Amino acid sequence: MLDASPSRCDCRDALSDLDGRRYGRGVRGDMRIPRHVAPAHGIATNPSNRAGRSMKPGHGVPVGFAPRHGSSTAAGVVGNVLEGYDFALFGLLAPVLGTRFFPSGDPIVSLLQVFAVLAAGYVVRPLGGILFASCSDRFGRPAALLASVVLMASATTALGLLPSYATAGWWAPALLVVLRLVQGISVGGELIASIVWIAEIAPYRRRGLFTSWTTLSLTGGMLLGSAAGTLVQALLTHAQIERFGWRVAFLAASLLGLSGFWLRRGLREQTAPAATRAVTALDEHPLRAALRHTPRQIGHLCALLPLFTGGLCTLFVWLPTYLGQMVVPPVEFPLLLNTSAMAVLLAAIPLGGLAADHLGRRRVLVTAQATLALLALPLWLVLSSGGAFAALAAQLIAALLMAFVLGTIPVTMIELFPAHVRSSAAGLGYNLTAGVLGGSAPLVCTWLINRTASVLAPALYLALLATVSVVAASRLDHAALTTQRG
């Protein structure tokens, strides 16, 4: 057995041993690994099988686990569907929420206040990421996944029951802010926990495809939110939407929450608990271990994610409001156009995961992000022309490029870090970037147009996000990624 106490070995060597970089296939010199633990991949077999199930060569997945991939993957991604649904619905219904919670003579002022509330939820995401990632690293992925989906569903459902400003005065927007903060904390632990869970049950050579299902599910939730907004707009009058239609859309999230609870309540830990316990002896808190041993990787991840966080929100949450409220003349059926573009995005995300597996993470990210950086201004000119078909064509091109980013980013994120601090390190980097750039994107884009009086200002912002991400992607170290197979 490995003795990881500081008195017996150097801490860095122990940590390197635990993430499997020096183990080969379960053996390092004369130090053998218990049968039920495979540190080289961060995978453990079912404890009841310690006596004998063999590992698939080169995959790090116990023989007999394949039949469980479907249910485990569904349980891992269901929370992302709920997150995407809530996020998209809140952004798409921002004009209605502005009149209900922040009545003002200037609709732009009401929009800015709603988008500020959306941004506030993102500001606390790093806190949620720390809490849930530490729970994931110390108590297991299933516990973090279950707690996250319960808290998220409760906050979204409660939002549909809030009184309006006309009924409760300033208590209404205050309660709205509180619920968005709770939502932000719960979401802070959701995406990374699901990515880590799926990556650690996936065959290594198909890890890009498997983990792309996390962003596919997030996009699927956004598509559901966009479809719900389109349906409410088609079936109800504007007065009915303001009176009760927006509430029905948020209350429907309770069904997704119940599905998530049912799927996740029976999850069993798949990672190697022995490795986590050994690391705990060296450093009691996983976040402290992540900051001590992987600060460069965390910084690199923050630089890699601006387009993934800010670009996604700009193109598929804020854009319908821009097309319908700010373009002159307004584009017809902006929610329907957004739903159509998101359907293409949804279908193409697995292609991004496959490309990452076959062509490499860095090549796919650099190509897709550089192309979007170059096309941002031309696409925005087409979007701002006022024609529905032109706007749809521009959105479809952007959707195809973003699909390769969304399909590749998840596997790249988790492969930057060793297994024992993966949730904490990746969660910190992701949530810091999302907190600064993700939720603030609608607020920043609306403010830029209001400040500059130019509808092209958001295009320059989008190009800047893509450029930063390209530079970070071009500096990805292939060796650093491939050694973190745990």
Protein backbone atom coordinates (compact mmCIF):
# COMPACT_ATOMS: atom_id res chain seq x y z
CA MET A 1 0.00 0.00 0.00
CA LEU A 2 1.13 3.54 -0.71
CA ASP A 3 2.18 5.48 2.36
CA ALA A 4 1.53 9.11 1.50
CA SER A 5 2.53 10.63 4.84
CA PRO A 6 4.92 13.59 4.50
CA SER A 7 7.44 11.85 6.76
CA ARG A 8 7.79 8.91 4.39
CA CYS A 9 7.86 10.65 1.01
CA ASP A 10 7.92 14.01 -0.65
CA CYS A 11 4.47 15.59 -0.99
CA ARG A 12 4.85 16.27 -4.69
CA ASP A 13 5.81 12.67 -5.34
CA ALA A 14 2.81 11.46 -3.38
CA LEU A 15 0.45 13.69 -5.31
CA SER A 16 2.01 12.61 -8.58
CA ASP A 17 1.59 8.98 -7.54
CA LEU A 18 -2.03 9.53 -6.64
CA ASP A 19 -3.05 11.02 -9.96
CA GLY A 20 -1.41 8.07 -11.64
CA ARG A 21 1.19 9.73 -13.76
CA ARG A 22 3.93 7.31 -12.61
CA TYR A 23 1.96 4.17 -12.09
CA GLY A 24 1.73 2.60 -15.51
CA ARG A 25 -0.92 -0.16 -15.27
CA GLY A 26 -1.32 -0.35 -11.52
CA VAL A 27 2.35 -0.89 -10.64
CA ARG A 28 5.09 1.56 -9.77
CA GLY A 29 8.29 -0.26 -8.93
CA ASP A 30 7.44 -2.64 -6.11
CA MET A 31 4.39 -0.61 -4.96
CA ARG A 32 1.19 -2.32 -6.06
CA ILE A 33 -2.24 -0.73 -6.20
CA PRO A 34 -5.29 -2.39 -4.64
CA ARG A 35 -7.34 -4.22 -7.24
CA HIS A 36 -10.39 -2.03 -6.85
CA VAL A 37 -8.43 1.19 -7.54
CA ALA A 38 -6.96 2.26 -10.87
CA PRO A 39 -5.19 5.56 -10.13
CA ALA A 40 -3.88 5.91 -13.66
CA HIS A 41 -7.44 6.67 -14.71
CA GLY A 42 -9.08 7.76 -11.48
CA ILE A 43 -11.59 4.89 -11.78
CA ALA A 44 -12.60 2.37 -9.18
CA THR A 45 -14.65 -0.71 -9.68
CA ASN A 46 -17.68 -1.42 -7.52
CA PRO A 47 -16.37 -2.28 -4.03
CA SER A 48 -18.37 -5.49 -4.11
CA ASN A 49 -16.19 -6.53 -7.02
CA ARG A 50 -12.79 -6.07 -5.38
CA ALA A 51 -12.02 -9.73 -5.73
CA GLY A 52 -12.04 -9.92 -9.37
CA ARG A 53 -13.41 -7.81 -12.21
CA SER A 54 -10.68 -6.93 -14.68
CA MET A 55 -10.09 -3.64 -16.40
CA LYS A 56 -10.49 -3.02 -20.12
CA PRO A 57 -6.96 -2.52 -21.42
CA GLY A 58 -6.18 1.13 -22.07
CA HIS A 59 -9.63 2.37 -21.11
CA GLY A 60 -9.62 2.60 -17.33
CA VAL A 61 -13.20 1.28 -17.22
CA PRO A 62 -14.05 -1.97 -15.44
CA VAL A 63 -15.45 -4.72 -17.60
CA GLY A 64 -19.18 -4.77 -17.05
CA PHE A 65 -19.57 -1.01 -16.54
CA ALA A 66 -20.61 -0.28 -20.12
CA PRO A 67 -24.29 -1.13 -19.59
CA ARG A 68 -24.46 1.54 -16.88
CA HIS A 69 -23.10 4.34 -19.06
CA GLY A 70 -26.55 5.31 -20.34
CA SER A 71 -28.24 5.78 -16.98
CA SER A 72 -25.12 7.32 -15.41
CA THR A 73 -24.77 9.79 -18.27
CA ALA A 74 -28.46 10.75 -18.03
CA ALA A 75 -28.12 11.32 -14.29
CA GLY A 76 -25.00 13.37 -14.85
CA VAL A 77 -26.49 15.73 -17.44
CA VAL A 78 -30.07 16.24 -16.21
CA GLY A 79 -29.04 19.12 -13.98
CA ASN A 80 -27.44 20.86 -16.95
CA VAL A 81 -30.79 20.70 -18.75
CA LEU A 82 -32.44 22.45 -15.80
CA GLU A 83 -29.62 25.02 -15.62
CA GLY A 84 -29.88 25.80 -19.32
CA TYR A 85 -33.68 26.02 -19.19
CA ASP A 86 -33.69 28.49 -16.31
CA PHE A 87 -30.83 30.57 -17.71
CA ALA A 88 -32.31 30.89 -21.20
CA LEU A 89 -35.85 31.53 -19.96
CA PHE A 90 -34.74 34.29 -17.61
CA GLY A 91 -32.80 36.01 -20.37
CA LEU A 92 -35.46 35.57 -23.04
CA LEU A 93 -38.26 36.83 -20.77
CA ALA A 94 -36.15 39.76 -19.56
CA PRO A 95 -38.47 42.41 -21.13
CA VAL A 96 -41.48 40.91 -19.29
CA LEU A 97 -39.57 40.48 -16.01
CA GLY A 98 -38.43 44.09 -16.30
CA THR A 99 -42.02 45.39 -16.35
CA ARG A 100 -43.11 43.05 -13.51
CA PHE A 101 -40.21 43.65 -11.12
CA PHE A 102 -38.52 46.90 -12.26
CA PRO A 103 -41.23 49.14 -13.77
CA SER A 104 -39.73 52.21 -15.42
CA GLY A 105 -40.60 54.75 -18.05
CA ASP A 106 -37.52 53.65 -20.02
CA PRO A 107 -37.58 49.99 -21.14
CA ILE A 108 -33.78 49.97 -21.54
CA VAL A 109 -33.41 50.88 -17.84
CA SER A 110 -35.71 47.99 -16.88
CA LEU A 111 -33.69 45.63 -19.09
CA LEU A 112 -30.43 46.76 -17.51
CA GLN A 113 -31.84 46.06 -14.05
CA VAL A 114 -33.02 42.56 -15.02
CA PHE A 115 -29.67 41.74 -16.61
CA ALA A 116 -27.93 43.05 -13.49
CA VAL A 117 -29.92 40.52 -11.44
CA LEU A 118 -28.88 37.79 -13.88
CA ALA A 119 -25.26 38.88 -13.47
CA ALA A 120 -25.60 38.83 -9.67
CA GLY A 121 -26.42 35.14 -9.81
CA TYR A 122 -23.22 34.55 -11.73
CA VAL A 123 -21.11 36.55 -9.29
CA VAL A 124 -21.78 33.98 -6.54
CA ARG A 125 -21.08 31.00 -8.81
CA PRO A 126 -17.46 30.73 -7.61
CA LEU A 127 -18.80 30.30 -4.06
CA GLY A 128 -21.13 27.53 -5.24
CA GLY A 129 -18.29 25.99 -7.20
CA ILE A 130 -16.08 25.90 -4.10
CA LEU A 131 -18.81 24.41 -1.91
CA PHE A 132 -19.97 21.73 -4.33
CA ALA A 133 -16.52 20.91 -5.69
CA SER A 134 -15.21 20.36 -2.16
CA CYS A 135 -18.25 18.19 -1.45
CA SER A 136 -17.54 16.27 -4.68
CA ASP A 137 -13.84 15.72 -3.95
CA ARG A 138 -14.35 14.78 -0.29
CA PHE A 139 -17.74 13.06 -0.12
CA GLY A 140 -18.20 11.80 -3.66
CA ARG A 141 -19.62 12.96 -6.98
CA PRO A 142 -23.17 11.59 -6.36
CA ALA A 143 -23.69 13.63 -3.18
CA ALA A 144 -22.71 16.87 -4.94
CA LEU A 145 -24.86 16.08 -7.97
CA LEU A 146 -27.97 15.36 -5.89
CA ALA A 147 -27.65 18.43 -3.67
CA SER A 148 -27.06 20.67 -6.68
CA VAL A 149 -30.16 19.62 -8.64
CA VAL A 150 -32.46 19.84 -5.59
CA LEU A 151 -31.31 23.38 -4.73
CA MET A 152 -31.48 24.51 -8.35
CA ALA A 153 -34.99 23.18 -8.97
CA SER A 154 -36.30 24.72 -5.74
CA ALA A 155 -35.00 28.20 -6.64
CA THR A 156 -36.33 28.11 -10.21
CA THR A 157 -39.79 26.89 -9.15
CA ALA A 158 -40.00 29.51 -6.40
CA LEU A 159 -39.28 32.23 -8.97
CA GLY A 160 -42.54 31.36 -10.71
CA LEU A 161 -44.41 32.03 -7.46
CA LEU A 162 -42.94 35.47 -6.68
CA PRO A 163 -45.28 38.45 -6.29
CA SER A 164 -44.74 41.34 -8.70
CA TYR A 165 -43.64 44.87 -7.83
CA ALA A 166 -47.25 46.06 -8.06
CA THR A 167 -48.20 43.58 -5.30
CA ALA A 168 -45.22 43.56 -2.94
CA GLY A 169 -43.28 46.72 -3.74
CA TRP A 170 -39.51 46.50 -3.38
CA TRP A 171 -39.83 43.13 -1.66
CA ALA A 172 -40.50 41.63 -5.10
CA PRO A 173 -37.15 42.57 -6.73
CA ALA A 174 -35.35 41.84 -3.44
CA LEU A 175 -36.74 38.29 -3.38
CA LEU A 176 -35.89 37.93 -7.06
CA VAL A 177 -32.27 38.79 -6.30
CA VAL A 178 -32.18 36.30 -3.41
CA LEU A 179 -33.50 33.49 -5.61
CA ARG A 180 -30.98 34.30 -8.35
CA LEU A 181 -28.19 34.15 -5.76
CA VAL A 182 -29.40 30.73 -4.58
CA GLN A 183 -29.64 29.65 -8.20
CA GLY A 184 -26.10 30.88 -8.85
CA ILE A 185 -24.72 28.93 -5.91
CA SER A 186 -26.42 25.71 -6.99
CA VAL A 187 -25.40 26.12 -10.65
CA GLY A 188 -21.81 26.80 -9.58
CA GLY A 189 -21.42 23.15 -8.67
CA GLU A 190 -23.50 21.58 -11.44
CA LEU A 191 -21.67 21.65 -14.77
CA ILE A 192 -18.21 20.75 -13.46
CA ALA A 193 -19.59 17.97 -11.24
CA SER A 194 -21.38 16.42 -14.22
CA ILE A 195 -18.34 16.75 -16.51
CA VAL A 196 -16.07 15.08 -13.96
CA TRP A 197 -18.61 12.34 -13.30
CA ILE A 198 -19.02 11.47 -16.97
CA ALA A 199 -15.31 11.76 -17.77
CA GLU A 200 -14.48 9.29 -15.02
CA ILE A 201 -16.86 6.64 -16.31
CA ALA A 202 -16.00 7.15 -19.99
CA PRO A 203 -13.46 5.21 -22.11
CA TYR A 204 -10.46 7.51 -22.53
CA ARG A 205 -10.40 7.40 -26.34
CA ARG A 206 -14.06 8.48 -26.44
CA ARG A 207 -13.88 10.94 -23.58
CA GLY A 208 -14.40 13.97 -25.83
CA LEU A 209 -17.64 12.51 -27.20
CA PHE A 210 -18.89 11.42 -23.77
CA THR A 211 -18.18 14.74 -22.05
CA SER A 212 -19.72 16.70 -24.93
CA TRP A 213 -23.06 15.41 -23.63
CA THR A 214 -22.73 17.80 -20.70
CA THR A 215 -22.72 20.90 -22.89
CA LEU A 216 -25.23 19.24 -25.20
CA SER A 217 -27.59 18.86 -22.24
CA LEU A 218 -26.94 22.46 -21.17
CA THR A 219 -27.76 23.60 -24.70
CA GLY A 220 -30.78 21.27 -24.74
CA GLY A 221 -32.07 23.01 -21.63
CA MET A 222 -31.52 26.38 -23.28
CA LEU A 223 -33.38 25.10 -26.33
CA LEU A 224 -36.28 24.01 -24.10
CA GLY A 225 -36.27 27.44 -22.48
CA SER A 226 -36.28 29.13 -25.88
CA ALA A 227 -39.07 26.82 -27.09
CA ALA A 228 -41.09 27.52 -23.93
CA GLY A 229 -40.72 31.26 -24.47
CA THR A 230 -41.72 30.89 -28.13
CA LEU A 231 -44.75 28.78 -27.17
CA VAL A 232 -45.92 31.22 -24.51
CA GLN A 233 -45.52 34.10 -26.96
CA ALA A 234 -47.47 32.23 -29.67
CA LEU A 235 -50.38 31.07 -27.49
CA LEU A 236 -50.92 34.06 -25.22
CA THR A 237 -51.44 37.77 -25.68
CA HIS A 238 -48.88 40.19 -24.30
CA ALA A 239 -51.20 41.05 -21.40
CA GLN A 240 -51.65 37.36 -20.55
CA ILE A 241 -47.91 36.76 -20.66
CA GLU A 242 -47.32 39.61 -18.21
CA ARG A 243 -50.14 38.44 -15.94
CA PHE A 244 -49.44 34.70 -15.67
CA GLY A 245 -47.72 33.28 -18.76
CA TRP A 246 -44.16 33.90 -17.54
CA ARG A 247 -45.00 32.11 -14.27
CA VAL A 248 -46.15 28.94 -16.05
CA ALA A 249 -42.85 28.77 -17.93
CA PHE A 250 -40.79 28.90 -14.71
CA LEU A 251 -43.07 26.53 -12.78
CA ALA A 252 -42.56 23.92 -15.52
CA ALA A 253 -38.97 23.63 -14.27
CA SER A 254 -40.29 21.63 -11.30
CA LEU A 255 -40.82 18.67 -13.65
CA LEU A 256 -37.14 18.76 -14.64
CA GLY A 257 -36.19 19.00 -10.96
CA LEU A 258 -38.22 15.90 -10.04
CA SER A 259 -36.66 14.00 -12.95
CA GLY A 260 -33.19 15.00 -11.78
CA PHE A 261 -33.87 13.88 -8.22
CA TRP A 262 -35.20 10.52 -9.38
CA LEU A 263 -32.23 9.88 -11.68
CA ARG A 264 -29.56 10.92 -9.19
CA ARG A 265 -30.80 9.43 -5.94
CA GLY A 266 -29.41 6.00 -6.80
CA LEU A 267 -25.98 7.03 -8.11
CA ARG A 268 -22.95 5.17 -6.75
CA GLU A 269 -19.41 6.53 -6.51
CA GLN A 270 -17.19 5.44 -9.41
CA THR A 271 -13.89 7.14 -8.55
CA ALA A 272 -11.09 5.92 -6.34
CA PRO A 273 -11.87 6.91 -2.73
CA ALA A 274 -8.50 5.61 -1.53
CA ALA A 275 -6.72 8.23 -3.61
CA THR A 276 -8.89 11.02 -2.17
CA ARG A 277 -8.31 9.86 1.40
CA ALA A 278 -4.56 9.76 0.86
CA VAL A 279 -4.57 13.30 -0.51
CA THR A 280 -6.69 14.47 2.42
CA ALA A 281 -3.88 13.35 4.73
CA LEU A 282 -1.55 15.73 2.89
CA ASP A 283 -3.92 18.67 2.54
CA GLU A 284 -7.22 18.74 4.39
CA HIS A 285 -9.12 20.90 1.90
CA PRO A 286 -9.21 20.01 -1.83
CA LEU A 287 -9.38 23.69 -2.83
CA ARG A 288 -6.18 24.42 -0.92
CA ALA A 289 -4.51 21.50 -2.64
CA ALA A 290 -5.71 22.75 -6.03
CA LEU A 291 -4.38 26.27 -5.40
CA ARG A 292 -1.08 24.92 -4.15
CA HIS A 293 -0.35 22.42 -6.89
CA THR A 294 -2.25 23.63 -9.99
CA PRO A 295 -2.33 27.48 -9.95
CA ARG A 296 -0.91 27.76 -13.47
CA GLN A 297 -3.51 25.37 -14.88
CA ILE A 298 -6.34 27.28 -13.14
CA GLY A 299 -5.12 30.54 -14.67
CA HIS A 300 -4.84 28.90 -18.07
CA LEU A 301 -8.40 27.61 -17.79
CA CYS A 302 -9.68 31.10 -16.96
CA ALA A 303 -8.02 32.42 -20.12
CA LEU A 304 -9.44 29.55 -22.18
CA LEU A 305 -13.11 30.09 -21.29
CA PRO A 306 -14.18 33.68 -22.22
CA LEU A 307 -15.86 32.63 -25.48
CA PHE A 308 -17.39 29.52 -23.91
CA THR A 309 -19.00 31.56 -21.11
CA GLY A 310 -19.57 35.08 -22.47
CA GLY A 311 -20.02 34.09 -26.12
CA LEU A 312 -22.68 31.46 -25.43
CA CYS A 313 -24.72 33.90 -23.36
CA THR A 314 -24.36 36.69 -25.91
CA LEU A 315 -25.32 34.62 -28.96
CA PHE A 316 -28.15 32.50 -27.57
CA VAL A 317 -29.60 34.27 -24.52
CA TRP A 318 -29.21 38.00 -25.14
CA LEU A 319 -29.42 38.02 -28.95
CA PRO A 320 -33.24 37.58 -29.23
CA THR A 321 -33.71 40.66 -27.04
CA TYR A 322 -31.28 42.55 -29.25
CA LEU A 323 -33.02 41.51 -32.48
CA GLY A 324 -36.51 42.29 -31.17
CA GLN A 325 -35.84 45.40 -29.08
CA MET A 326 -32.74 47.18 -30.40
CA VAL A 327 -32.41 46.50 -34.13
CA VAL A 328 -34.18 49.02 -36.37
CA PRO A 329 -36.40 47.80 -37.91
CA PRO A 330 -36.94 44.96 -35.40
CA VAL A 331 -36.38 41.44 -36.68
CA GLU A 332 -39.57 39.37 -36.82
CA PHE A 333 -39.93 36.21 -34.69
CA PRO A 334 -36.59 36.54 -32.83
CA LEU A 335 -37.42 33.72 -30.37
CA LEU A 336 -38.31 31.35 -33.21
CA LEU A 337 -35.03 32.19 -34.99
CA ASN A 338 -33.11 31.59 -31.77
CA THR A 339 -34.83 28.25 -31.21
CA SER A 340 -33.97 27.15 -34.76
CA ALA A 341 -30.30 28.13 -34.37
CA MET A 342 -30.09 26.34 -31.02
CA ALA A 343 -31.50 23.16 -32.55
CA VAL A 344 -28.58 23.19 -35.03
CA LEU A 345 -26.17 23.93 -32.19
CA LEU A 346 -27.57 21.00 -30.22
CA ALA A 347 -27.19 18.57 -33.12
CA ALA A 348 -23.62 19.65 -33.90
CA ILE A 349 -22.10 19.57 -30.37
CA PRO A 350 -21.30 15.81 -30.47
CA LEU A 351 -19.36 16.48 -33.69
CA GLY A 352 -17.17 18.78 -31.63
CA GLY A 353 -16.57 16.00 -29.11
CA LEU A 354 -15.72 13.53 -31.87
CA ALA A 355 -13.37 16.04 -33.49
CA ALA A 356 -11.62 16.53 -30.15
CA ASP A 357 -11.09 12.76 -29.87
CA HIS A 358 -9.75 12.35 -33.41
CA LEU A 359 -8.07 15.66 -34.25
CA GLY A 360 -6.95 16.84 -30.83
CA ARG A 361 -8.29 19.35 -28.34
CA ARG A 362 -6.02 22.25 -29.27
CA ARG A 363 -6.53 22.04 -33.04
CA VAL A 364 -10.33 22.06 -32.79
CA LEU A 365 -10.46 24.94 -30.30
CA VAL A 366 -8.00 27.16 -32.15
CA THR A 367 -9.72 26.65 -35.52
CA ALA A 368 -13.30 27.25 -34.31
CA GLN A 369 -12.51 30.20 -32.06
CA ALA A 370 -10.21 31.96 -34.54
CA THR A 371 -12.85 31.64 -37.26
CA LEU A 372 -15.51 33.14 -35.00
CA ALA A 373 -13.18 36.00 -34.03
CA LEU A 374 -12.68 36.85 -37.71
CA LEU A 375 -16.37 36.53 -38.61
CA ALA A 376 -17.83 38.33 -35.58
CA LEU A 377 -18.16 41.75 -37.23
CA PRO A 378 -19.44 40.52 -40.65
CA LEU A 379 -22.00 38.27 -38.95
CA TRP A 380 -23.16 41.14 -36.75
CA LEU A 381 -23.66 43.36 -39.77
CA VAL A 382 -25.92 40.69 -41.25
CA LEU A 383 -27.79 40.25 -37.95
CA SER A 384 -28.41 43.98 -37.74
CA SER A 385 -29.83 44.31 -41.26
CA GLY A 386 -33.38 43.72 -40.00
CA GLY A 387 -34.17 40.72 -42.20
CA ALA A 388 -35.33 37.49 -40.57
CA PHE A 389 -33.71 35.16 -43.10
CA ALA A 390 -30.42 37.04 -42.98
CA ALA A 391 -30.45 36.93 -39.18
CA LEU A 392 -31.16 33.19 -39.22
CA ALA A 393 -28.27 32.54 -41.64
CA ALA A 394 -25.86 34.47 -39.42
CA GLN A 395 -27.08 32.66 -36.30
CA LEU A 396 -26.66 29.26 -37.96
CA ILE A 397 -23.04 29.99 -38.90
CA ALA A 398 -22.31 31.14 -35.35
CA ALA A 399 -24.08 28.05 -33.97
CA LEU A 400 -21.93 25.66 -36.02
CA LEU A 401 -18.71 27.31 -34.88
CA MET A 402 -19.81 27.42 -31.25
CA ALA A 403 -20.77 23.73 -31.42
CA PHE A 404 -17.12 22.75 -31.86
CA VAL A 405 -16.15 24.95 -28.91
CA LEU A 406 -18.88 23.51 -26.69
CA GLY A 407 -18.05 19.95 -27.71
CA THR A 408 -14.32 20.28 -26.96
CA ILE A 409 -14.13 22.50 -23.87
CA PRO A 410 -15.46 19.94 -21.32
CA VAL A 411 -12.80 17.29 -21.96
CA THR A 412 -10.10 19.96 -22.13
CA MET A 413 -11.14 21.39 -18.77
CA ILE A 414 -10.96 18.15 -16.83
CA GLU A 415 -7.75 16.94 -18.48
CA LEU A 416 -5.88 19.97 -17.21
CA PHE A 417 -6.08 18.64 -13.65
CA PRO A 418 -5.29 15.42 -11.74
CA ALA A 419 -8.21 13.43 -10.34
CA HIS A 420 -7.85 14.25 -6.64
CA VAL A 421 -8.37 18.02 -7.13
CA ARG A 422 -10.18 17.97 -10.45
CA SER A 423 -13.59 19.18 -9.27
CA SER A 424 -12.15 21.93 -7.07
CA ALA A 425 -9.58 23.22 -9.58
CA ALA A 426 -11.78 23.06 -12.69
CA GLY A 427 -14.76 24.42 -10.73
CA LEU A 428 -12.78 27.39 -9.48
CA GLY A 429 -11.43 28.31 -12.92
CA TYR A 430 -14.76 27.84 -14.68
CA ASN A 431 -16.89 29.67 -12.13
CA LEU A 432 -14.51 32.62 -11.84
CA THR A 433 -14.69 33.11 -15.61
CA ALA A 434 -18.45 32.52 -15.77
CA GLY A 435 -18.99 34.88 -12.83
CA VAL A 436 -17.10 37.71 -14.51
CA LEU A 437 -18.00 37.17 -18.18
CA GLY A 438 -20.98 34.81 -18.43
CA GLY A 439 -23.81 36.42 -16.54
CA SER A 440 -22.52 39.93 -17.23
CA ALA A 441 -22.56 39.50 -21.04
CA PRO A 442 -26.19 40.71 -21.57
CA LEU A 443 -25.57 43.62 -19.20
CA VAL A 444 -22.30 44.57 -20.92
CA CYS A 445 -23.74 44.31 -24.44
CA THR A 446 -26.83 46.37 -23.55
CA TRP A 447 -24.65 48.97 -21.81
CA LEU A 448 -22.26 49.16 -24.78
CA ILE A 449 -25.10 49.89 -27.20
CA ASN A 450 -26.63 52.45 -24.84
CA ARG A 451 -23.23 54.08 -24.27
CA THR A 452 -21.85 54.09 -27.82
CA ALA A 453 -25.14 54.32 -29.75
CA SER A 454 -23.70 51.68 -32.07
CA VAL A 455 -25.33 48.30 -32.59
CA LEU A 456 -21.94 46.93 -33.70
CA ALA A 457 -20.31 47.36 -30.28
CA PRO A 458 -21.31 43.83 -29.11
CA ALA A 459 -19.56 42.37 -32.17
CA LEU A 460 -16.25 43.84 -31.05
CA TYR A 461 -16.86 42.49 -27.56
CA LEU A 462 -17.53 39.01 -28.98
CA ALA A 463 -14.39 39.18 -31.13
CA LEU A 464 -12.34 40.16 -28.07
CA LEU A 465 -13.65 37.17 -26.10
CA ALA A 466 -12.82 34.83 -28.99
CA THR A 467 -9.33 36.27 -29.41
CA VAL A 468 -8.40 35.76 -25.77
CA SER A 469 -9.68 32.18 -25.96
CA VAL A 470 -7.68 31.51 -29.15
CA VAL A 471 -4.44 32.65 -27.53
CA ALA A 472 -5.05 30.41 -24.52
CA ALA A 473 -6.01 27.43 -26.70
CA SER A 474 -2.89 27.82 -28.82
CA ARG A 475 -0.80 27.40 -25.67
CA LEU A 476 -2.39 24.14 -24.57
CA ASP A 477 0.27 21.53 -23.87
CA HIS A 478 -0.67 18.19 -25.43
CA ALA A 479 1.53 16.31 -22.96
CA ALA A 480 -0.10 18.04 -19.98
CA LEU A 481 -3.54 17.01 -21.24
CA THR A 482 -2.78 13.42 -22.08
CA THR A 483 -1.10 12.67 -18.76
CA GLN A 484 -4.23 13.56 -16.79
CA ARG A 485 -6.22 10.51 -17.81
CA GLY A 486 -7.66 10.03 -14.37
